[in-house]
Amino acid sequence: MNDHSEDKGRILVVEDSPVLSLRAEDILTDRGFFIVGPAYDMMQAIDLAKREQIDAAVIDLNIRGEKSFDVMKTLEERGVPFVITSGYADWSMPEEWRERPRLQKPFEDDALAGAVRDLLRSEDD
């Protein structure tokens, strides 16, 4: 059990695969982050993105057959940085999201943790 008094940030995880969601949660909590969610569907993801205190987010591009653009839009409106993950080769998305950090699944532990650290670091600049 981690002591969350030294949290490095509150990270929203949006991932419809329970296995990958738990893995991301383990990777990030082991490195001192607090997980918001995880959200397994779009309704839950949008709800958490709107109402929770979030420092950064890890967003799967495809959630149960839907693109997660509405979640990204909500986070952008709140000024919350995010990294987009996908296990598909097709990264096609609207131009407004093309410059966002991306992480191909399956990701290495350090790649995920590094991507989240980079998001938080860019917010400090």
N, C-alpha and C. Protein backbone atom coordinates (compact mmCIF):
# COMPACT_ATOMS: atom_id res chain seq x y z
N MET A 1 0.84 -1.19 0.00
CA MET A 1 0.00 0.00 0.00
C MET A 1 0.87 1.24 0.00
N ASN A 2 0.64 2.12 -0.96
CA ASN A 2 1.43 3.33 -1.07
C ASN A 2 0.89 4.42 -0.18
N ASP A 3 1.80 5.21 0.39
CA ASP A 3 1.42 6.39 1.14
C ASP A 3 1.29 7.54 0.15
N HIS A 4 0.11 8.07 -0.02
CA HIS A 4 -0.12 9.08 -1.05
C HIS A 4 0.19 10.49 -0.59
N SER A 5 0.82 10.67 0.56
CA SER A 5 1.12 12.01 1.03
C SER A 5 2.18 12.68 0.16
N GLU A 6 2.94 11.90 -0.59
CA GLU A 6 3.98 12.45 -1.45
C GLU A 6 3.61 12.32 -2.93
N ASP A 7 2.34 12.46 -3.25
CA ASP A 7 1.90 12.33 -4.63
C ASP A 7 2.64 13.28 -5.55
N LYS A 8 3.02 12.76 -6.70
CA LYS A 8 3.69 13.58 -7.71
C LYS A 8 2.68 14.19 -8.67
N GLY A 9 1.42 13.79 -8.57
CA GLY A 9 0.39 14.32 -9.44
C GLY A 9 -0.79 13.37 -9.52
N ARG A 10 -1.95 13.95 -9.87
CA ARG A 10 -3.18 13.18 -10.03
C ARG A 10 -3.37 12.91 -11.52
N ILE A 11 -3.33 11.61 -11.88
CA ILE A 11 -3.34 11.21 -13.28
C ILE A 11 -4.63 10.46 -13.61
N LEU A 12 -5.37 11.00 -14.57
CA LEU A 12 -6.56 10.31 -15.07
C LEU A 12 -6.12 9.24 -16.06
N VAL A 13 -6.57 8.02 -15.86
CA VAL A 13 -6.29 6.92 -16.79
C VAL A 13 -7.61 6.53 -17.46
N VAL A 14 -7.64 6.61 -18.79
CA VAL A 14 -8.80 6.20 -19.58
C VAL A 14 -8.34 5.05 -20.47
N GLU A 15 -8.81 3.86 -20.15
CA GLU A 15 -8.38 2.64 -20.84
C GLU A 15 -9.47 1.60 -20.69
N ASP A 16 -9.98 1.07 -21.82
CA ASP A 16 -11.08 0.10 -21.75
C ASP A 16 -10.63 -1.33 -21.50
N SER A 17 -9.34 -1.60 -21.58
CA SER A 17 -8.84 -2.94 -21.27
C SER A 17 -8.48 -3.02 -19.79
N PRO A 18 -9.19 -3.84 -19.01
CA PRO A 18 -8.87 -3.94 -17.58
C PRO A 18 -7.42 -4.33 -17.32
N VAL A 19 -6.86 -5.21 -18.15
CA VAL A 19 -5.47 -5.64 -17.96
C VAL A 19 -4.52 -4.46 -18.14
N LEU A 20 -4.69 -3.71 -19.23
CA LEU A 20 -3.81 -2.56 -19.48
C LEU A 20 -4.05 -1.44 -18.48
N SER A 21 -5.29 -1.27 -18.08
CA SER A 21 -5.62 -0.24 -17.10
C SER A 21 -4.93 -0.52 -15.77
N LEU A 22 -5.02 -1.77 -15.31
CA LEU A 22 -4.37 -2.13 -14.05
C LEU A 22 -2.86 -2.01 -14.16
N ARG A 23 -2.32 -2.38 -15.31
CA ARG A 23 -0.87 -2.26 -15.50
C ARG A 23 -0.44 -0.80 -15.43
N ALA A 24 -1.17 0.08 -16.13
CA ALA A 24 -0.84 1.51 -16.10
C ALA A 24 -0.95 2.05 -14.68
N GLU A 25 -2.00 1.64 -13.99
CA GLU A 25 -2.19 2.07 -12.61
C GLU A 25 -1.02 1.63 -11.73
N ASP A 26 -0.60 0.38 -11.85
CA ASP A 26 0.53 -0.14 -11.07
C ASP A 26 1.82 0.63 -11.38
N ILE A 27 2.09 0.84 -12.67
CA ILE A 27 3.31 1.54 -13.08
C ILE A 27 3.34 2.94 -12.46
N LEU A 28 2.23 3.64 -12.56
CA LEU A 28 2.21 5.03 -12.11
C LEU A 28 2.16 5.16 -10.59
N THR A 29 1.40 4.31 -9.92
CA THR A 29 1.36 4.39 -8.45
C THR A 29 2.70 4.01 -7.85
N ASP A 30 3.40 3.05 -8.47
CA ASP A 30 4.73 2.66 -8.00
C ASP A 30 5.71 3.82 -8.07
N ARG A 31 5.42 4.79 -8.94
CA ARG A 31 6.31 5.95 -9.11
C ARG A 31 5.78 7.19 -8.41
N GLY A 32 4.78 7.01 -7.56
CA GLY A 32 4.33 8.11 -6.72
C GLY A 32 3.16 8.92 -7.23
N PHE A 33 2.54 8.50 -8.33
CA PHE A 33 1.38 9.23 -8.85
C PHE A 33 0.10 8.68 -8.23
N PHE A 34 -0.92 9.51 -8.16
CA PHE A 34 -2.24 9.10 -7.68
C PHE A 34 -3.14 8.93 -8.91
N ILE A 35 -3.83 7.81 -9.01
CA ILE A 35 -4.67 7.53 -10.18
C ILE A 35 -6.10 8.00 -9.94
N VAL A 36 -6.60 8.76 -10.90
CA VAL A 36 -8.00 9.16 -10.93
C VAL A 36 -8.66 8.19 -11.91
N GLY A 37 -9.71 7.53 -11.46
CA GLY A 37 -10.33 6.48 -12.27
C GLY A 37 -9.79 5.13 -11.85
N PRO A 38 -9.47 4.29 -12.75
CA PRO A 38 -9.49 4.47 -14.19
C PRO A 38 -10.90 4.46 -14.76
N ALA A 39 -11.04 5.08 -15.93
CA ALA A 39 -12.32 5.09 -16.63
C ALA A 39 -12.27 4.04 -17.73
N TYR A 40 -13.30 3.20 -17.77
CA TYR A 40 -13.37 2.10 -18.74
C TYR A 40 -14.30 2.39 -19.92
N ASP A 41 -15.06 3.49 -19.85
CA ASP A 41 -15.95 3.84 -20.95
C ASP A 41 -16.01 5.36 -21.10
N MET A 42 -16.57 5.82 -22.21
CA MET A 42 -16.57 7.25 -22.52
C MET A 42 -17.36 8.07 -21.51
N MET A 43 -18.52 7.58 -21.09
CA MET A 43 -19.33 8.35 -20.16
C MET A 43 -18.57 8.61 -18.85
N GLN A 44 -17.96 7.57 -18.32
CA GLN A 44 -17.19 7.70 -17.09
C GLN A 44 -15.97 8.60 -17.32
N ALA A 45 -15.31 8.45 -18.45
CA ALA A 45 -14.12 9.25 -18.76
C ALA A 45 -14.46 10.73 -18.83
N ILE A 46 -15.53 11.07 -19.51
CA ILE A 46 -15.94 12.47 -19.64
C ILE A 46 -16.34 13.02 -18.28
N ASP A 47 -17.07 12.24 -17.50
CA ASP A 47 -17.47 12.67 -16.16
C ASP A 47 -16.25 12.99 -15.29
N LEU A 48 -15.28 12.07 -15.26
CA LEU A 48 -14.07 12.29 -14.46
C LEU A 48 -13.27 13.48 -14.99
N ALA A 49 -13.19 13.60 -16.32
CA ALA A 49 -12.44 14.71 -16.93
C ALA A 49 -13.06 16.06 -16.58
N LYS A 50 -14.36 16.10 -16.40
CA LYS A 50 -15.05 17.35 -16.09
C LYS A 50 -14.97 17.73 -14.62
N ARG A 51 -15.06 16.74 -13.71
CA ARG A 51 -15.27 17.09 -12.31
C ARG A 51 -14.10 16.81 -11.36
N GLU A 52 -13.14 15.99 -11.77
CA GLU A 52 -12.04 15.65 -10.87
C GLU A 52 -10.87 16.63 -10.98
N GLN A 53 -10.12 16.74 -9.90
CA GLN A 53 -8.86 17.47 -9.96
C GLN A 53 -7.85 16.55 -10.64
N ILE A 54 -7.29 17.00 -11.77
CA ILE A 54 -6.39 16.18 -12.57
C ILE A 54 -5.19 17.03 -12.98
N ASP A 55 -4.00 16.45 -12.84
CA ASP A 55 -2.79 17.15 -13.27
C ASP A 55 -2.36 16.75 -14.67
N ALA A 56 -2.69 15.53 -15.08
CA ALA A 56 -2.36 15.02 -16.42
C ALA A 56 -3.22 13.78 -16.66
N ALA A 57 -3.20 13.30 -17.91
CA ALA A 57 -4.04 12.14 -18.24
C ALA A 57 -3.36 11.26 -19.27
N VAL A 58 -3.71 9.97 -19.20
CA VAL A 58 -3.30 8.96 -20.17
C VAL A 58 -4.60 8.48 -20.81
N ILE A 59 -4.77 8.76 -22.11
CA ILE A 59 -6.05 8.53 -22.79
C ILE A 59 -5.88 7.54 -23.93
N ASP A 60 -6.58 6.42 -23.86
CA ASP A 60 -6.61 5.48 -24.98
C ASP A 60 -7.41 6.12 -26.11
N LEU A 61 -6.88 6.07 -27.33
CA LEU A 61 -7.52 6.69 -28.48
C LEU A 61 -8.88 6.06 -28.79
N ASN A 62 -8.99 4.75 -28.60
CA ASN A 62 -10.23 4.03 -28.90
C ASN A 62 -10.80 3.40 -27.64
N ILE A 63 -11.96 3.88 -27.23
CA ILE A 63 -12.63 3.34 -26.04
C ILE A 63 -13.92 2.66 -26.47
N ARG A 64 -13.93 1.35 -26.38
CA ARG A 64 -15.12 0.56 -26.75
C ARG A 64 -15.71 0.97 -28.10
N GLY A 65 -14.82 1.11 -29.09
CA GLY A 65 -15.27 1.42 -30.43
C GLY A 65 -15.46 2.89 -30.72
N GLU A 66 -15.30 3.76 -29.73
CA GLU A 66 -15.44 5.20 -29.93
C GLU A 66 -14.08 5.87 -29.82
N LYS A 67 -13.85 6.89 -30.63
CA LYS A 67 -12.65 7.71 -30.48
C LYS A 67 -12.85 8.59 -29.24
N SER A 68 -11.79 8.83 -28.51
CA SER A 68 -11.90 9.55 -27.23
C SER A 68 -11.72 11.06 -27.38
N PHE A 69 -12.12 11.62 -28.51
CA PHE A 69 -11.93 13.05 -28.76
C PHE A 69 -12.70 13.93 -27.78
N ASP A 70 -13.89 13.50 -27.33
CA ASP A 70 -14.67 14.31 -26.39
C ASP A 70 -13.94 14.46 -25.05
N VAL A 71 -13.26 13.39 -24.63
CA VAL A 71 -12.48 13.45 -23.39
C VAL A 71 -11.31 14.41 -23.59
N MET A 72 -10.64 14.30 -24.73
CA MET A 72 -9.50 15.18 -25.01
C MET A 72 -9.93 16.64 -25.03
N LYS A 73 -11.08 16.91 -25.64
CA LYS A 73 -11.60 18.28 -25.72
C LYS A 73 -11.87 18.83 -24.32
N THR A 74 -12.48 18.02 -23.47
CA THR A 74 -12.76 18.44 -22.09
C THR A 74 -11.47 18.76 -21.35
N LEU A 75 -10.48 17.89 -21.49
CA LEU A 75 -9.20 18.10 -20.81
C LEU A 75 -8.51 19.35 -21.35
N GLU A 76 -8.54 19.53 -22.67
CA GLU A 76 -7.91 20.71 -23.26
C GLU A 76 -8.56 21.99 -22.73
N GLU A 77 -9.88 21.99 -22.64
CA GLU A 77 -10.60 23.16 -22.13
C GLU A 77 -10.19 23.49 -20.70
N ARG A 78 -9.82 22.46 -19.94
CA ARG A 78 -9.40 22.66 -18.55
C ARG A 78 -7.89 22.89 -18.44
N GLY A 79 -7.18 22.81 -19.54
CA GLY A 79 -5.73 23.00 -19.51
C GLY A 79 -4.96 21.83 -18.95
N VAL A 80 -5.55 20.63 -19.04
CA VAL A 80 -4.91 19.42 -18.52
C VAL A 80 -4.14 18.74 -19.64
N PRO A 81 -2.83 18.55 -19.49
CA PRO A 81 -2.05 17.88 -20.53
C PRO A 81 -2.35 16.37 -20.55
N PHE A 82 -2.22 15.76 -21.73
CA PHE A 82 -2.48 14.33 -21.82
C PHE A 82 -1.61 13.69 -22.88
N VAL A 83 -1.40 12.39 -22.71
CA VAL A 83 -0.72 11.55 -23.71
C VAL A 83 -1.77 10.59 -24.25
N ILE A 84 -1.73 10.37 -25.57
CA ILE A 84 -2.68 9.49 -26.24
C ILE A 84 -2.01 8.14 -26.44
N THR A 85 -2.70 7.06 -26.08
CA THR A 85 -2.17 5.72 -26.30
C THR A 85 -3.04 4.98 -27.31
N SER A 86 -2.41 4.05 -28.02
CA SER A 86 -3.17 3.21 -28.95
C SER A 86 -2.39 1.95 -29.26
N GLY A 87 -3.12 0.88 -29.45
CA GLY A 87 -2.52 -0.37 -29.87
C GLY A 87 -2.68 -0.59 -31.36
N TYR A 88 -3.35 0.35 -32.03
CA TYR A 88 -3.59 0.23 -33.47
C TYR A 88 -2.52 0.98 -34.25
N ALA A 89 -2.26 0.53 -35.46
CA ALA A 89 -1.30 1.23 -36.33
C ALA A 89 -1.91 2.52 -36.86
N ASP A 90 -3.24 2.58 -36.93
CA ASP A 90 -3.92 3.75 -37.48
C ASP A 90 -4.07 4.83 -36.41
N TRP A 91 -3.27 5.88 -36.55
CA TRP A 91 -3.31 7.01 -35.61
C TRP A 91 -4.09 8.17 -36.20
N SER A 92 -4.94 7.91 -37.20
CA SER A 92 -5.63 9.02 -37.85
C SER A 92 -6.54 9.72 -36.86
N MET A 93 -6.41 11.05 -36.85
CA MET A 93 -7.21 11.86 -35.94
C MET A 93 -7.25 13.29 -36.45
N PRO A 94 -8.18 14.08 -35.93
CA PRO A 94 -8.25 15.47 -36.37
C PRO A 94 -6.91 16.19 -36.12
N GLU A 95 -6.65 17.18 -36.94
CA GLU A 95 -5.38 17.91 -36.89
C GLU A 95 -5.09 18.48 -35.50
N GLU A 96 -6.13 18.92 -34.80
CA GLU A 96 -5.92 19.55 -33.49
C GLU A 96 -5.25 18.62 -32.47
N TRP A 97 -5.33 17.32 -32.69
CA TRP A 97 -4.74 16.36 -31.74
C TRP A 97 -3.44 15.74 -32.23
N ARG A 98 -3.06 16.02 -33.47
CA ARG A 98 -1.91 15.33 -34.07
C ARG A 98 -0.59 15.63 -33.39
N GLU A 99 -0.45 16.79 -32.77
CA GLU A 99 0.82 17.17 -32.14
C GLU A 99 0.91 16.70 -30.69
N ARG A 100 -0.13 16.09 -30.19
CA ARG A 100 -0.13 15.60 -28.80
C ARG A 100 0.84 14.44 -28.64
N PRO A 101 1.44 14.30 -27.45
CA PRO A 101 2.32 13.14 -27.22
C PRO A 101 1.54 11.84 -27.40
N ARG A 102 2.23 10.85 -27.95
CA ARG A 102 1.61 9.54 -28.21
C ARG A 102 2.48 8.44 -27.64
N LEU A 103 1.82 7.35 -27.31
CA LEU A 103 2.51 6.18 -26.78
C LEU A 103 1.87 4.95 -27.39
N GLN A 104 2.66 4.18 -28.12
CA GLN A 104 2.16 2.96 -28.76
C GLN A 104 2.03 1.86 -27.71
N LYS A 105 0.90 1.14 -27.72
CA LYS A 105 0.71 0.00 -26.82
C LYS A 105 1.15 -1.27 -27.54
N PRO A 106 1.70 -2.23 -26.87
CA PRO A 106 1.97 -2.20 -25.43
C PRO A 106 3.20 -1.34 -25.14
N PHE A 107 3.13 -0.56 -24.06
CA PHE A 107 4.23 0.34 -23.73
C PHE A 107 5.09 -0.24 -22.62
N GLU A 108 6.32 0.19 -22.60
CA GLU A 108 7.25 -0.18 -21.53
C GLU A 108 6.92 0.65 -20.29
N ASP A 109 7.19 0.10 -19.12
CA ASP A 109 6.91 0.81 -17.87
C ASP A 109 7.52 2.20 -17.86
N ASP A 110 8.82 2.27 -18.20
CA ASP A 110 9.52 3.55 -18.14
C ASP A 110 9.01 4.53 -19.19
N ALA A 111 8.53 4.03 -20.32
CA ALA A 111 7.99 4.91 -21.36
C ALA A 111 6.73 5.60 -20.87
N LEU A 112 5.85 4.85 -20.21
CA LEU A 112 4.62 5.44 -19.67
C LEU A 112 4.95 6.45 -18.57
N ALA A 113 5.77 6.05 -17.63
CA ALA A 113 6.12 6.94 -16.52
C ALA A 113 6.83 8.19 -17.04
N GLY A 114 7.71 8.02 -18.02
CA GLY A 114 8.42 9.15 -18.60
C GLY A 114 7.49 10.10 -19.32
N ALA A 115 6.52 9.55 -20.04
CA ALA A 115 5.55 10.39 -20.77
C ALA A 115 4.75 11.24 -19.80
N VAL A 116 4.33 10.64 -18.67
CA VAL A 116 3.55 11.38 -17.67
C VAL A 116 4.43 12.45 -17.02
N ARG A 117 5.67 12.10 -16.68
CA ARG A 117 6.59 13.09 -16.10
C ARG A 117 6.80 14.26 -17.06
N ASP A 118 6.95 13.96 -18.36
CA ASP A 118 7.13 15.01 -19.36
C ASP A 118 5.91 15.93 -19.43
N LEU A 119 4.71 15.36 -19.33
CA LEU A 119 3.50 16.18 -19.34
C LEU A 119 3.51 17.16 -18.17
N LEU A 120 3.84 16.65 -17.00
CA LEU A 120 3.83 17.50 -15.81
C LEU A 120 4.95 18.52 -15.87
N ARG A 121 6.08 18.15 -16.41
CA ARG A 121 7.22 19.07 -16.55
C ARG A 121 6.85 20.20 -17.51
N SER A 122 6.15 19.88 -18.58
CA SER A 122 5.79 20.91 -19.57
C SER A 122 4.80 21.91 -18.98
N GLU A 123 4.03 21.47 -18.01
CA GLU A 123 3.09 22.37 -17.33
C GLU A 123 3.82 23.34 -16.40
N ASP A 124 5.00 22.93 -15.93
CA ASP A 124 5.76 23.78 -15.02
C ASP A 124 6.52 24.89 -15.77
N ASP A 125 6.74 24.69 -17.06
CA ASP A 125 7.53 25.65 -17.85
C ASP A 125 6.79 26.94 -18.07
